Amino acid sequence: MQISLSLVLAFGIMVVLLIRFGGLRVLHAIICTLFGFLLAATWLAPQIQQFLTNLPGAGK
């Protein structure tokens, strides 16, 4: 799966805004990121990828 730089930048901006204005703590963001990396290494990763690919508008 290719991830565009603009998508990564958009998510980065959202995280920064949530940390500044939404009450998201840096520790929470780190824990969520680590959870994502650990989840990507499990047997569930292909099913999650397939689910996200089949979402409406995902192919656009």
PDB file of N, CA and C in Angstrom:
ATOM      1  N   MET A   1       0.845  -1.169   0.000  1.00  0.00           N
ATOM      2  CA  MET A   1       0.000   0.000   0.000  1.00  0.00           C
ATOM      3  C   MET A   1       0.895   1.239   0.000  1.00  0.00           C
ATOM      4  N   GLN A   2       0.612   2.125  -0.916  1.00  0.00           N
ATOM      5  CA  GLN A   2       1.371   3.354  -0.984  1.00  0.00           C
ATOM      6  C   GLN A   2       0.645   4.438  -0.197  1.00  0.00           C
ATOM      7  N   ILE A   3       1.397   5.139   0.596  1.00  0.00           N
ATOM      8  CA  ILE A   3       0.836   6.246   1.373  1.00  0.00           C
ATOM      9  C   ILE A   3       1.458   7.522   0.837  1.00  0.00           C
ATOM     10  N   SER A   4       0.623   8.440   0.424  1.00  0.00           N
ATOM     11  CA  SER A   4       1.147   9.675  -0.137  1.00  0.00           C
ATOM     12  C   SER A   4       1.676  10.579   0.973  1.00  0.00           C
ATOM     13  N   LEU A   5       2.604  11.424   0.589  1.00  0.00           N
ATOM     14  CA  LEU A   5       3.193  12.358   1.540  1.00  0.00           C
ATOM     15  C   LEU A   5       2.141  13.322   2.064  1.00  0.00           C
ATOM     16  N   SER A   6       1.191  13.703   1.212  1.00  0.00           N
ATOM     17  CA  SER A   6       0.156  14.638   1.662  1.00  0.00           C
ATOM     18  C   SER A   6      -0.733  14.011   2.733  1.00  0.00           C
ATOM     19  N   LEU A   7      -0.994  12.710   2.638  1.00  0.00           N
ATOM     20  CA  LEU A   7      -1.794  12.027   3.651  1.00  0.00           C
ATOM     21  C   LEU A   7      -1.061  11.995   4.984  1.00  0.00           C
ATOM     22  N   VAL A   8       0.221  11.698   4.945  1.00  0.00           N
ATOM     23  CA  VAL A   8       1.026  11.683   6.169  1.00  0.00           C
ATOM     24  C   VAL A   8       1.083  13.083   6.764  1.00  0.00           C
ATOM     25  N   LEU A   9       1.247  14.082   5.927  1.00  0.00           N
ATOM     26  CA  LEU A   9       1.288  15.463   6.400  1.00  0.00           C
ATOM     27  C   LEU A   9      -0.046  15.879   7.022  1.00  0.00           C
ATOM     28  N   ALA A  10      -1.151  15.481   6.401  1.00  0.00           N
ATOM     29  CA  ALA A  10      -2.476  15.810   6.936  1.00  0.00           C
ATOM     30  C   ALA A  10      -2.681  15.184   8.312  1.00  0.00           C
ATOM     31  N   PHE A  11      -2.312  13.918   8.457  1.00  0.00           N
ATOM     32  CA  PHE A  11      -2.448  13.265   9.753  1.00  0.00           C
ATOM     33  C   PHE A  11      -1.510  13.892  10.785  1.00  0.00           C
ATOM     34  N   GLY A  12      -0.326  14.280  10.370  1.00  0.00           N
ATOM     35  CA  GLY A  12       0.593  14.942  11.284  1.00  0.00           C
ATOM     36  C   GLY A  12       0.038  16.263  11.795  1.00  0.00           C
ATOM     37  N   ILE A  13      -0.578  17.027  10.893  1.00  0.00           N
ATOM     38  CA  ILE A  13      -1.183  18.291  11.291  1.00  0.00           C
ATOM     39  C   ILE A  13      -2.345  18.049  12.249  1.00  0.00           C
ATOM     40  N   MET A  14      -3.153  17.025  11.968  1.00  0.00           N
ATOM     41  CA  MET A  14      -4.265  16.716  12.863  1.00  0.00           C
ATOM     42  C   MET A  14      -3.776  16.345  14.263  1.00  0.00           C
ATOM     43  N   VAL A  15      -2.702  15.573  14.342  1.00  0.00           N
ATOM     44  CA  VAL A  15      -2.158  15.177  15.643  1.00  0.00           C
ATOM     45  C   VAL A  15      -1.649  16.402  16.396  1.00  0.00           C
ATOM     46  N   VAL A  16      -0.942  17.274  15.701  1.00  0.00           N
ATOM     47  CA  VAL A  16      -0.432  18.487  16.353  1.00  0.00           C
ATOM     48  C   VAL A  16      -1.592  19.335  16.868  1.00  0.00           C
ATOM     49  N   LEU A  17      -2.647  19.495  16.062  1.00  0.00           N
ATOM     50  CA  LEU A  17      -3.802  20.278  16.501  1.00  0.00           C
ATOM     51  C   LEU A  17      -4.499  19.628  17.687  1.00  0.00           C
ATOM     52  N   LEU A  18      -4.612  18.307  17.676  1.00  0.00           N
ATOM     53  CA  LEU A  18      -5.233  17.622  18.806  1.00  0.00           C
ATOM     54  C   LEU A  18      -4.403  17.760  20.076  1.00  0.00           C
ATOM     55  N   ILE A  19      -3.094  17.711  19.936  1.00  0.00           N
ATOM     56  CA  ILE A  19      -2.236  17.869  21.107  1.00  0.00           C
ATOM     57  C   ILE A  19      -2.376  19.285  21.661  1.00  0.00           C
ATOM     58  N   ARG A  20      -2.417  20.282  20.774  1.00  0.00           N
ATOM     59  CA  ARG A  20      -2.482  21.683  21.233  1.00  0.00           C
ATOM     60  C   ARG A  20      -3.848  22.072  21.754  1.00  0.00           C
ATOM     61  N   PHE A  21      -4.908  21.707  21.009  1.00  0.00           N
ATOM     62  CA  PHE A  21      -6.226  22.243  21.312  1.00  0.00           C
ATOM     63  C   PHE A  21      -7.241  21.208  21.767  1.00  0.00           C
ATOM     64  N   GLY A  22      -7.005  19.949  21.498  1.00  0.00           N
ATOM     65  CA  GLY A  22      -8.004  18.936  21.785  1.00  0.00           C
ATOM     66  C   GLY A  22      -7.782  18.156  23.061  1.00  0.00           C
ATOM     67  N   GLY A  23      -6.733  18.456  23.773  1.00  0.00           N
ATOM     68  CA  GLY A  23      -6.492  17.761  25.018  1.00  0.00           C
ATOM     69  C   GLY A  23      -5.794  16.417  24.857  1.00  0.00           C
ATOM     70  N   LEU A  24      -5.307  16.125  23.659  1.00  0.00           N
ATOM     71  CA  LEU A  24      -4.566  14.884  23.449  1.00  0.00           C
ATOM     72  C   LEU A  24      -3.169  15.058  24.023  1.00  0.00           C
ATOM     73  N   ARG A  25      -2.801  14.186  24.885  1.00  0.00           N
ATOM     74  CA  ARG A  25      -1.477  14.255  25.496  1.00  0.00           C
ATOM     75  C   ARG A  25      -0.466  13.559  24.583  1.00  0.00           C
ATOM     76  N   VAL A  26       0.772  13.984  24.679  1.00  0.00           N
ATOM     77  CA  VAL A  26       1.830  13.404  23.867  1.00  0.00           C
ATOM     78  C   VAL A  26       1.950  11.910  24.151  1.00  0.00           C
ATOM     79  N   LEU A  27       1.821  11.529  25.408  1.00  0.00           N
ATOM     80  CA  LEU A  27       1.895  10.114  25.769  1.00  0.00           C
ATOM     81  C   LEU A  27       0.791   9.317  25.085  1.00  0.00           C
ATOM     82  N   HIS A  28      -0.403   9.879  25.005  1.00  0.00           N
ATOM     83  CA  HIS A  28      -1.508   9.191  24.329  1.00  0.00           C
ATOM     84  C   HIS A  28      -1.197   8.989  22.851  1.00  0.00           C
ATOM     85  N   ALA A  29      -0.650  10.002  22.217  1.00  0.00           N
ATOM     86  CA  ALA A  29      -0.298   9.896  20.800  1.00  0.00           C
ATOM     87  C   ALA A  29       0.778   8.832  20.581  1.00  0.00           C
ATOM     88  N   ILE A  30       1.748   8.770  21.475  1.00  0.00           N
ATOM     89  CA  ILE A  30       2.816   7.767  21.362  1.00  0.00           C
ATOM     90  C   ILE A  30       2.245   6.369  21.541  1.00  0.00           C
ATOM     91  N   ILE A  31       1.374   6.193  22.513  1.00  0.00           N
ATOM     92  CA  ILE A  31       0.772   4.887  22.747  1.00  0.00           C
ATOM     93  C   ILE A  31      -0.060   4.450  21.542  1.00  0.00           C
ATOM     94  N   CYS A  32      -0.829   5.364  20.962  1.00  0.00           N
ATOM     95  CA  CYS A  32      -1.636   5.029  19.775  1.00  0.00           C
ATOM     96  C   CYS A  32      -0.750   4.653  18.595  1.00  0.00           C
ATOM     97  N   THR A  33       0.362   5.358  18.429  1.00  0.00           N
ATOM     98  CA  THR A  33       1.289   5.048  17.344  1.00  0.00           C
ATOM     99  C   THR A  33       1.908   3.673  17.539  1.00  0.00           C
ATOM    100  N   LEU A  34       2.355   3.391  18.754  1.00  0.00           N
ATOM    101  CA  LEU A  34       2.928   2.071  19.029  1.00  0.00           C
ATOM    102  C   LEU A  34       1.896   0.969  18.827  1.00  0.00           C
ATOM    103  N   PHE A  35       0.651   1.226  19.226  1.00  0.00           N
ATOM    104  CA  PHE A  35      -0.410   0.245  19.016  1.00  0.00           C
ATOM    105  C   PHE A  35      -0.593  -0.027  17.526  1.00  0.00           C
ATOM    106  N   GLY A  36      -0.537   1.015  16.704  1.00  0.00           N
ATOM    107  CA  GLY A  36      -0.668   0.843  15.261  1.00  0.00           C
ATOM    108  C   GLY A  36       0.450  -0.006  14.683  1.00  0.00           C
ATOM    109  N   PHE A  37       1.677   0.238  15.118  1.00  0.00           N
ATOM    110  CA  PHE A  37       2.806  -0.562  14.636  1.00  0.00           C
ATOM    111  C   PHE A  37       2.676  -2.017  15.086  1.00  0.00           C
ATOM    112  N   LEU A  38       2.274  -2.231  16.332  1.00  0.00           N
ATOM    113  CA  LEU A  38       2.110  -3.598  16.816  1.00  0.00           C
ATOM    114  C   LEU A  38       0.964  -4.307  16.106  1.00  0.00           C
ATOM    115  N   LEU A  39      -0.123  -3.590  15.847  1.00  0.00           N
ATOM    116  CA  LEU A  39      -1.257  -4.180  15.137  1.00  0.00           C
ATOM    117  C   LEU A  39      -0.881  -4.551  13.714  1.00  0.00           C
ATOM    118  N   ALA A  40      -0.025  -3.742  13.083  1.00  0.00           N
ATOM    119  CA  ALA A  40       0.406  -4.025  11.713  1.00  0.00           C
ATOM    120  C   ALA A  40       1.253  -5.295  11.637  1.00  0.00           C
ATOM    121  N   ALA A  41       1.820  -5.707  12.750  1.00  0.00           N
ATOM    122  CA  ALA A  41       2.666  -6.900  12.765  1.00  0.00           C
ATOM    123  C   ALA A  41       1.892  -8.171  13.119  1.00  0.00           C
ATOM    124  N   THR A  42       0.584  -8.059  13.331  1.00  0.00           N
ATOM    125  CA  THR A  42      -0.197  -9.226  13.717  1.00  0.00           C
ATOM    126  C   THR A  42      -0.840  -9.879  12.505  1.00  0.00           C
ATOM    127  N   TRP A  43      -1.527 -10.978  12.758  1.00  0.00           N
ATOM    128  CA  TRP A  43      -2.226 -11.689  11.694  1.00  0.00           C
ATOM    129  C   TRP A  43      -3.467 -10.936  11.232  1.00  0.00           C
ATOM    130  N   LEU A  44      -3.874  -9.912  11.961  1.00  0.00           N
ATOM    131  CA  LEU A  44      -5.042  -9.123  11.581  1.00  0.00           C
ATOM    132  C   LEU A  44      -4.738  -8.087  10.499  1.00  0.00           C
ATOM    133  N   ALA A  45      -3.477  -7.802  10.258  1.00  0.00           N
ATOM    134  CA  ALA A  45      -3.103  -6.742   9.319  1.00  0.00           C
ATOM    135  C   ALA A  45      -3.717  -6.923   7.927  1.00  0.00           C
ATOM    136  N   PRO A  46      -3.679  -8.121   7.322  1.00  0.00           N
ATOM    137  CA  PRO A  46      -4.289  -8.266   5.994  1.00  0.00           C
ATOM    138  C   PRO A  46      -5.799  -8.014   5.991  1.00  0.00           C
ATOM    139  N   GLN A  47      -6.494  -8.446   7.038  1.00  0.00           N
ATOM    140  CA  GLN A  47      -7.935  -8.212   7.111  1.00  0.00           C
ATOM    141  C   GLN A  47      -8.243  -6.725   7.264  1.00  0.00           C
ATOM    142  N   ILE A  48      -7.453  -6.030   8.059  1.00  0.00           N
ATOM    143  CA  ILE A  48      -7.661  -4.593   8.237  1.00  0.00           C
ATOM    144  C   ILE A  48      -7.391  -3.868   6.925  1.00  0.00           C
ATOM    145  N   GLN A  49      -6.328  -4.254   6.241  1.00  0.00           N
ATOM    146  CA  GLN A  49      -6.005  -3.632   4.949  1.00  0.00           C
ATOM    147  C   GLN A  49      -7.135  -3.873   3.946  1.00  0.00           C
ATOM    148  N   GLN A  50      -7.651  -5.088   3.899  1.00  0.00           N
ATOM    149  CA  GLN A  50      -8.745  -5.395   2.978  1.00  0.00           C
ATOM    150  C   GLN A  50      -9.993  -4.593   3.338  1.00  0.00           C
ATOM    151  N   PHE A  51     -10.302  -4.468   4.619  1.00  0.00           N
ATOM    152  CA  PHE A  51     -11.461  -3.694   5.047  1.00  0.00           C
ATOM    153  C   PHE A  51     -11.316  -2.227   4.629  1.00  0.00           C
ATOM    154  N   LEU A  52     -10.127  -1.659   4.853  1.00  0.00           N
ATOM    155  CA  LEU A  52      -9.924  -0.258   4.491  1.00  0.00           C
ATOM    156  C   LEU A  52      -9.958  -0.053   2.986  1.00  0.00           C
ATOM    157  N   THR A  53      -9.497  -1.027   2.234  1.00  0.00           N
ATOM    158  CA  THR A  53      -9.530  -0.931   0.776  1.00  0.00           C
ATOM    159  C   THR A  53     -10.956  -0.985   0.256  1.00  0.00           C
ATOM    160  N   ASN A  54     -11.828  -1.741   0.914  1.00  0.00           N
ATOM    161  CA  ASN A  54     -13.199  -1.911   0.454  1.00  0.00           C
ATOM    162  C   ASN A  54     -14.152  -0.815   0.935  1.00  0.00           C
ATOM    163  N   LEU A  55     -13.658   0.142   1.707  1.00  0.00           N
ATOM    164  CA  LEU A  55     -14.510   1.245   2.146  1.00  0.00           C
ATOM    165  C   LEU A  55     -14.924   2.099   0.958  1.00  0.00           C
ATOM    166  N   PRO A  56     -16.132   2.631   0.977  1.00  0.00           N
ATOM    167  CA  PRO A  56     -16.563   3.501  -0.117  1.00  0.00           C
ATOM    168  C   PRO A  56     -15.646   4.715  -0.229  1.00  0.00           C
ATOM    169  N   GLY A  57     -15.215   4.998  -1.437  1.00  0.00           N
ATOM    170  CA  GLY A  57     -14.350   6.143  -1.673  1.00  0.00           C
ATOM    171  C   GLY A  57     -12.880   5.858  -1.466  1.00  0.00           C
ATOM    172  N   ALA A  58     -12.516   4.639  -1.090  1.00  0.00           N
ATOM    173  CA  ALA A  58     -11.109   4.327  -0.841  1.00  0.00           C
ATOM    174  C   ALA A  58     -10.310   4.237  -2.135  1.00  0.00           C
ATOM    175  N   GLY A  59     -10.958   3.908  -3.233  1.00  0.00           N
ATOM    176  CA  GLY A  59     -10.256   3.756  -4.501  1.00  0.00           C
ATOM    177  C   GLY A  59     -10.092   5.049  -5.263  1.00  0.00           C
ATOM    178  N   LYS A  60     -10.573   6.150  -4.728  1.00  0.00           N
ATOM    179  CA  LYS A  60     -10.509   7.426  -5.463  1.00  0.00           C
ATOM    180  C   LYS A  60      -9.248   8.167  -5.188  1.00  0.00           C
TER     181      LYS A  60
END
